[in-house]
Amino acid sequence: MQPGKFLLALALGICLGLVVKPTQAQSQRDPYYGSWQPVTVSDQGVDYTTLKRQMEEYIKEKQSAFAIYFHDLASGASFGINEDKPMVAASTVKLPMALYINHLVVQGKAHWHDRVSYQKATDYEDGSGVLRYEAKDGDTYSLRVLTNLSVTISDNVAYRMLARHVGRPNFIGFMQELGGRTVYPGGKNLTTARDLATYVRALLDFAHRHPREGERLLDDLAHPSFHVGLPGLLPPEVMVAHKEGDLDEGVANDCGVVFCRRPYILVVLSSGVKDTREGFADIARLSKMAYDFQESLAGKK
């Protein structure tokens, strides 16, 4: 089998649940299997000044520019660092797109079996994914396959096909309805750390209201091929549903939710990194700071 066809077969296997289908033991362990419930506790007075200062001390030694947003799902406490600064979104934009497709499905405005025809003139893009090797003009793919590929292997062609199918103005309107403030300004793929955290929170709310679709999307986000940012230094048993994004031009981003004993949302955007591997290493260290802080709070219960 040719390499490109093997990758496509593997990706489709994931989509069909042949690779990452949870076992019974895993279903009992992973917090997002079963109906996800928002965590609520009474400790509204948790002080995150120490964690914020720790992150600020870390990034000030870096030449890269950072934007960070943290949200504790237990107390609702949050803080940001340059959280409203417009940054290149890169592939993190695929998370709200996947959420939008899921919204359309549960509303009956779309169906997972709906098929989209590939048009090379508008859909081709280099970079991540397998469809750039395999898709030919006129080939059709279901919304389920395209959504899965855009999330699990960050397939750029799949994302562009979805964007064309739903219409970019409609997608922009959806993000704005969720609370996004920096949404394709001037047609540029820019976002903020705060906006991405808003989309992640909307994803969790969606999963609570629509467990079947929401849990499947969380599962896709928890089992991507790119898994080095937020989960990079965390224990392997900790589930992290996230979407990374990077560009050779010095961009390394990650956004998602960490399902530890005290779950939290974390978004880290960076630009001006010399090497994306270094950028994701920085994200992993910042994520570990948040994880350790949250675990210290959970240990006090």
Protein backbone atom coordinates (compact mmCIF):
# COMPACT_ATOMS: atom_id res chain seq x y z
CA MET A 1 0.00 0.00 0.00
CA GLN A 2 1.30 3.45 -0.87
CA PRO A 3 2.17 5.67 2.15
CA GLY A 4 -0.54 8.20 1.38
CA LYS A 5 -3.21 5.52 1.09
CA PHE A 6 -2.03 3.89 4.31
CA LEU A 7 -2.37 7.20 6.18
CA LEU A 8 -5.84 7.76 4.78
CA ALA A 9 -6.89 4.23 5.75
CA LEU A 10 -5.55 4.79 9.25
CA ALA A 11 -7.36 8.12 9.56
CA LEU A 12 -10.61 6.59 8.35
CA GLY A 13 -10.11 3.76 10.83
CA ILE A 14 -9.93 6.32 13.60
CA CYS A 15 -13.08 7.95 12.27
CA LEU A 16 -14.92 4.63 12.42
CA GLY A 17 -13.77 4.02 15.97
CA LEU A 18 -11.45 1.17 14.99
CA VAL A 19 -8.42 2.75 16.60
CA VAL A 20 -9.54 4.84 19.55
CA LYS A 21 -12.79 3.22 20.58
CA PRO A 22 -12.75 3.28 24.38
CA THR A 23 -12.68 0.05 26.31
CA GLN A 24 -15.02 -0.53 29.24
CA ALA A 25 -12.18 0.17 31.68
CA GLN A 26 -11.29 3.35 29.84
CA SER A 27 -14.91 4.46 29.83
CA GLN A 28 -14.97 4.16 33.61
CA ARG A 29 -11.73 6.12 33.94
CA ASP A 30 -12.07 8.96 31.46
CA PRO A 31 -14.15 11.82 32.91
CA TYR A 32 -15.81 12.73 29.63
CA TYR A 33 -17.24 9.28 28.94
CA GLY A 34 -20.77 9.22 30.19
CA SER A 35 -22.69 12.46 30.59
CA TRP A 36 -20.19 15.22 31.29
CA GLN A 37 -21.23 17.27 34.29
CA PRO A 38 -19.91 20.74 35.05
CA VAL A 39 -17.91 20.73 38.27
CA THR A 40 -19.19 23.09 40.94
CA VAL A 41 -17.70 23.66 44.38
CA SER A 42 -17.97 26.44 46.91
CA ASP A 43 -14.35 27.66 46.96
CA GLN A 44 -14.98 30.87 45.07
CA GLY A 45 -12.06 32.51 46.84
CA VAL A 46 -9.22 30.50 45.29
CA ASP A 47 -6.31 32.82 44.57
CA TYR A 48 -4.55 32.18 41.28
CA THR A 49 -2.07 35.03 41.69
CA THR A 50 0.76 32.59 42.39
CA LEU A 51 0.12 30.56 39.24
CA LYS A 52 -0.21 33.67 37.10
CA ARG A 53 3.02 35.09 38.48
CA GLN A 54 4.80 31.79 37.85
CA MET A 55 3.71 31.84 34.22
CA GLU A 56 4.66 35.49 33.82
CA GLU A 57 8.13 34.81 35.22
CA TYR A 58 8.57 31.96 32.76
CA ILE A 59 7.51 33.77 29.59
CA LYS A 60 9.37 37.00 30.33
CA GLU A 61 12.63 35.12 29.78
CA LYS A 62 11.50 34.09 26.31
CA GLN A 63 11.92 36.00 23.08
CA SER A 64 8.57 34.68 21.86
CA ALA A 65 5.31 36.55 22.39
CA PHE A 66 2.71 34.72 24.47
CA ALA A 67 -1.01 35.00 25.14
CA ILE A 68 -2.51 32.83 27.88
CA TYR A 69 -5.95 32.22 29.33
CA PHE A 70 -6.74 29.94 32.27
CA HIS A 71 -10.18 28.98 33.56
CA ASP A 72 -10.84 26.78 36.59
CA LEU A 73 -13.97 24.74 35.97
CA ALA A 74 -14.53 24.17 39.69
CA SER A 75 -14.76 27.74 40.94
CA GLY A 76 -15.11 29.66 37.69
CA ALA A 77 -11.98 31.63 38.54
CA SER A 78 -9.91 32.73 35.57
CA PHE A 79 -6.99 34.90 34.60
CA GLY A 80 -5.24 35.95 31.44
CA ILE A 81 -1.91 37.21 30.20
CA ASN A 82 -2.21 39.23 26.99
CA GLU A 83 -5.50 37.38 26.67
CA ASP A 84 -7.08 39.93 24.33
CA LYS A 85 -4.09 40.34 22.05
CA PRO A 86 -4.87 39.20 18.48
CA MET A 87 -2.68 36.24 17.55
CA VAL A 88 -2.48 33.94 14.53
CA ALA A 89 -4.96 31.14 15.18
CA ALA A 90 -3.39 28.55 12.84
CA SER A 91 -5.20 25.21 13.22
CA THR A 92 -6.82 26.02 16.56
CA VAL A 93 -9.65 27.42 14.42
CA LYS A 94 -10.55 23.82 13.61
CA LEU A 95 -11.94 23.34 17.12
CA PRO A 96 -14.80 25.86 16.77
CA MET A 97 -15.41 24.57 13.23
CA ALA A 98 -15.86 21.02 14.54
CA LEU A 99 -18.17 22.37 17.23
CA TYR A 100 -20.18 24.27 14.61
CA ILE A 101 -20.66 21.14 12.51
CA ASN A 102 -21.87 19.29 15.62
CA HIS A 103 -24.32 22.10 16.36
CA LEU A 104 -25.72 21.88 12.83
CA VAL A 105 -26.16 18.12 13.19
CA VAL A 106 -28.05 18.24 16.49
CA GLN A 107 -30.23 21.04 15.10
CA GLY A 108 -31.15 18.87 12.14
CA LYS A 109 -29.62 21.35 9.69
CA ALA A 110 -26.99 18.82 8.64
CA HIS A 111 -26.40 15.08 8.88
CA TRP A 112 -23.19 13.16 9.40
CA HIS A 113 -23.78 11.27 6.16
CA ASP A 114 -24.03 14.48 4.10
CA ARG A 115 -21.26 14.43 1.53
CA VAL A 116 -19.04 17.25 0.31
CA SER A 117 -17.38 17.17 -3.10
CA TYR A 118 -13.69 18.04 -3.28
CA GLN A 119 -12.81 21.02 -5.47
CA LYS A 120 -9.07 21.38 -5.84
CA ALA A 121 -9.26 24.99 -6.97
CA THR A 122 -10.75 26.08 -3.64
CA ASP A 123 -9.98 23.25 -1.20
CA TYR A 124 -6.34 22.32 -1.73
CA GLU A 125 -3.86 23.42 0.91
CA ASP A 126 -0.40 22.15 1.70
CA GLY A 127 0.63 21.16 5.21
CA SER A 128 -1.07 18.71 7.55
CA GLY A 129 -3.38 15.95 6.41
CA VAL A 130 -3.81 13.14 3.94
CA LEU A 131 -6.50 14.48 1.61
CA ARG A 132 -3.95 16.69 -0.13
CA TYR A 133 -2.42 13.45 -1.41
CA GLU A 134 -5.57 11.43 -1.99
CA ALA A 135 -8.45 13.70 -2.94
CA LYS A 136 -9.30 14.13 -6.61
CA ASP A 137 -11.77 16.59 -8.10
CA GLY A 138 -15.25 15.21 -7.61
CA ASP A 139 -14.37 12.86 -4.75
CA THR A 140 -16.91 13.12 -1.94
CA TYR A 141 -16.47 12.77 1.80
CA SER A 142 -19.03 12.70 4.60
CA LEU A 143 -19.24 15.44 7.20
CA ARG A 144 -18.25 12.88 9.83
CA VAL A 145 -15.04 11.96 8.00
CA LEU A 146 -14.12 15.57 7.26
CA THR A 147 -14.77 16.69 10.83
CA ASN A 148 -12.77 13.82 12.27
CA LEU A 149 -9.83 14.34 9.92
CA SER A 150 -9.75 18.08 10.62
CA VAL A 151 -9.45 17.38 14.35
CA THR A 152 -7.46 14.17 14.73
CA ILE A 153 -4.80 14.79 12.08
CA SER A 154 -5.47 18.51 11.53
CA ASP A 155 -6.23 17.93 7.86
CA ASN A 156 -6.16 21.31 6.13
CA VAL A 157 -8.08 20.17 3.07
CA ALA A 158 -10.83 18.69 5.24
CA TYR A 159 -11.13 21.98 7.11
CA ARG A 160 -11.32 24.01 3.90
CA MET A 161 -14.01 21.70 2.54
CA LEU A 162 -16.03 22.16 5.73
CA ALA A 163 -15.57 25.94 5.63
CA ARG A 164 -16.74 26.09 2.04
CA HIS A 165 -19.68 23.79 2.77
CA VAL A 166 -21.06 25.77 5.72
CA GLY A 167 -20.03 29.19 4.42
CA ARG A 168 -17.42 31.28 6.16
CA PRO A 169 -19.89 34.09 7.04
CA ASN A 170 -22.07 31.53 8.85
CA PHE A 171 -19.04 30.14 10.69
CA ILE A 172 -17.97 33.64 11.70
CA GLY A 173 -21.49 34.34 12.95
CA PHE A 174 -21.42 31.16 15.02
CA MET A 175 -18.17 32.11 16.75
CA GLN A 176 -19.51 35.57 17.45
CA GLU A 177 -22.69 34.10 18.93
CA LEU A 178 -20.53 32.04 21.29
CA GLY A 179 -18.86 35.23 22.46
CA GLY A 180 -15.87 35.49 20.13
CA ARG A 181 -14.66 39.06 19.73
CA THR A 182 -11.71 38.69 17.39
CA VAL A 183 -13.14 36.64 14.54
CA TYR A 184 -11.41 36.83 11.16
CA PRO A 185 -10.76 40.59 11.41
CA GLY A 186 -10.05 41.88 7.93
CA GLY A 187 -10.33 38.32 6.65
CA LYS A 188 -7.27 37.24 8.64
CA ASN A 189 -7.20 34.02 10.69
CA LEU A 190 -6.61 35.77 14.01
CA THR A 191 -7.98 34.99 17.45
CA THR A 192 -7.28 35.65 21.11
CA ALA A 193 -6.58 33.39 24.06
CA ARG A 194 -9.82 34.54 25.68
CA ASP A 195 -11.86 33.74 22.57
CA LEU A 196 -10.44 30.23 22.27
CA ALA A 197 -11.20 29.58 25.94
CA THR A 198 -14.76 30.72 25.22
CA TYR A 199 -15.04 28.14 22.44
CA VAL A 200 -13.64 25.37 24.65
CA ARG A 201 -16.15 26.22 27.36
CA ALA A 202 -18.91 26.20 24.75
CA LEU A 203 -17.73 22.74 23.72
CA LEU A 204 -18.11 21.49 27.30
CA ASP A 205 -21.56 23.02 27.57
CA PHE A 206 -22.48 21.34 24.28
CA ALA A 207 -21.23 17.97 25.56
CA HIS A 208 -23.37 18.39 28.67
CA ARG A 209 -26.50 19.08 26.62
CA HIS A 210 -25.77 16.57 23.85
CA PRO A 211 -23.70 13.73 25.38
CA ARG A 212 -23.61 11.51 22.31
CA GLU A 213 -22.17 14.07 19.91
CA GLY A 214 -20.24 15.97 22.56
CA GLU A 215 -18.44 12.95 23.96
CA ARG A 216 -17.46 11.82 20.48
CA LEU A 217 -16.00 15.23 19.69
CA LEU A 218 -14.14 15.30 23.01
CA ASP A 219 -12.83 11.83 22.23
CA ASP A 220 -11.55 12.99 18.84
CA LEU A 221 -9.85 15.97 20.48
CA ALA A 222 -8.30 13.72 23.12
CA HIS A 223 -6.72 11.38 20.57
CA PRO A 224 -5.02 13.55 17.94
CA SER A 225 -1.83 12.74 16.10
CA PHE A 226 -0.36 16.02 17.40
CA HIS A 227 -0.30 15.55 21.18
CA VAL A 228 2.74 17.41 22.52
CA GLY A 229 1.50 20.78 23.78
CA LEU A 230 -0.89 20.83 26.74
CA PRO A 231 -0.49 17.09 27.49
CA GLY A 232 3.25 17.02 26.80
CA LEU A 233 4.44 16.79 30.42
CA LEU A 234 1.27 15.51 32.08
CA PRO A 235 0.73 11.95 33.33
CA PRO A 236 -0.45 9.78 30.42
CA GLU A 237 -3.63 8.78 32.23
CA VAL A 238 -4.82 12.41 32.34
CA MET A 239 -7.19 13.04 29.47
CA VAL A 240 -6.62 16.27 27.55
CA ALA A 241 -9.08 17.27 24.83
CA HIS A 242 -7.27 19.92 22.81
CA LYS A 243 -6.40 21.34 19.42
CA GLU A 244 -2.90 22.35 18.51
CA GLY A 245 -1.89 24.68 15.72
CA ASP A 246 1.45 25.74 14.31
CA LEU A 247 3.05 27.49 11.38
CA ASP A 248 6.63 27.40 10.18
CA GLU A 249 6.61 31.19 10.50
CA GLY A 250 7.10 30.84 14.26
CA VAL A 251 3.63 30.01 15.58
CA ALA A 252 2.87 27.35 18.20
CA ASN A 253 -0.59 27.22 19.80
CA ASP A 254 -2.71 24.90 21.89
CA CYS A 255 -6.12 25.18 23.50
CA GLY A 256 -8.22 22.68 25.38
CA VAL A 257 -9.47 21.21 28.62
CA VAL A 258 -7.48 19.09 31.06
CA PHE A 259 -9.61 16.48 32.84
CA CYS A 260 -7.54 16.09 36.00
CA ARG A 261 -9.00 15.89 39.51
CA ARG A 262 -9.77 19.59 39.26
CA PRO A 263 -10.48 20.19 35.55
CA TYR A 264 -9.48 23.40 33.85
CA ILE A 265 -9.31 25.12 30.48
CA LEU A 266 -5.97 26.40 29.26
CA VAL A 267 -5.08 28.30 26.11
CA VAL A 268 -1.50 29.16 25.18
CA LEU A 269 -0.73 31.05 21.97
CA SER A 270 2.81 31.95 20.94
CA SER A 271 4.48 33.70 18.05
CA GLY A 272 8.05 34.45 17.12
CA VAL A 273 9.29 31.02 18.17
CA LYS A 274 12.52 29.94 16.49
CA ASP A 275 11.42 26.32 16.34
CA THR A 276 7.87 25.02 16.75
CA ARG A 277 9.22 22.11 18.80
CA GLU A 278 10.61 24.65 21.24
CA GLY A 279 7.29 26.47 21.16
CA PHE A 280 5.34 23.37 22.09
CA ALA A 281 7.90 22.56 24.79
CA ASP A 282 7.13 25.96 26.31
CA ILE A 283 3.42 25.23 26.11
CA ALA A 284 3.98 21.89 27.83
CA ARG A 285 5.87 23.56 30.68
CA LEU A 286 3.18 26.18 31.17
CA SER A 287 0.56 23.43 31.12
CA LYS A 288 2.48 21.49 33.77
CA MET A 289 2.49 24.57 36.00
CA ALA A 290 -1.29 24.77 35.76
CA TYR A 291 -1.68 21.03 36.32
CA ASP A 292 0.54 21.00 39.41
CA PHE A 293 -1.34 23.96 40.88
CA GLN A 294 -4.71 22.34 40.26
CA GLU A 295 -3.56 19.05 41.72
CA SER A 296 -2.34 20.85 44.84
CA LEU A 297 -5.83 22.28 45.28
CA ALA A 298 -7.48 18.92 44.66
CA GLY A 299 -5.21 17.34 47.27
CA LYS A 300 -6.57 19.70 49.91
CA LYS A 301 -10.12 18.39 49.52
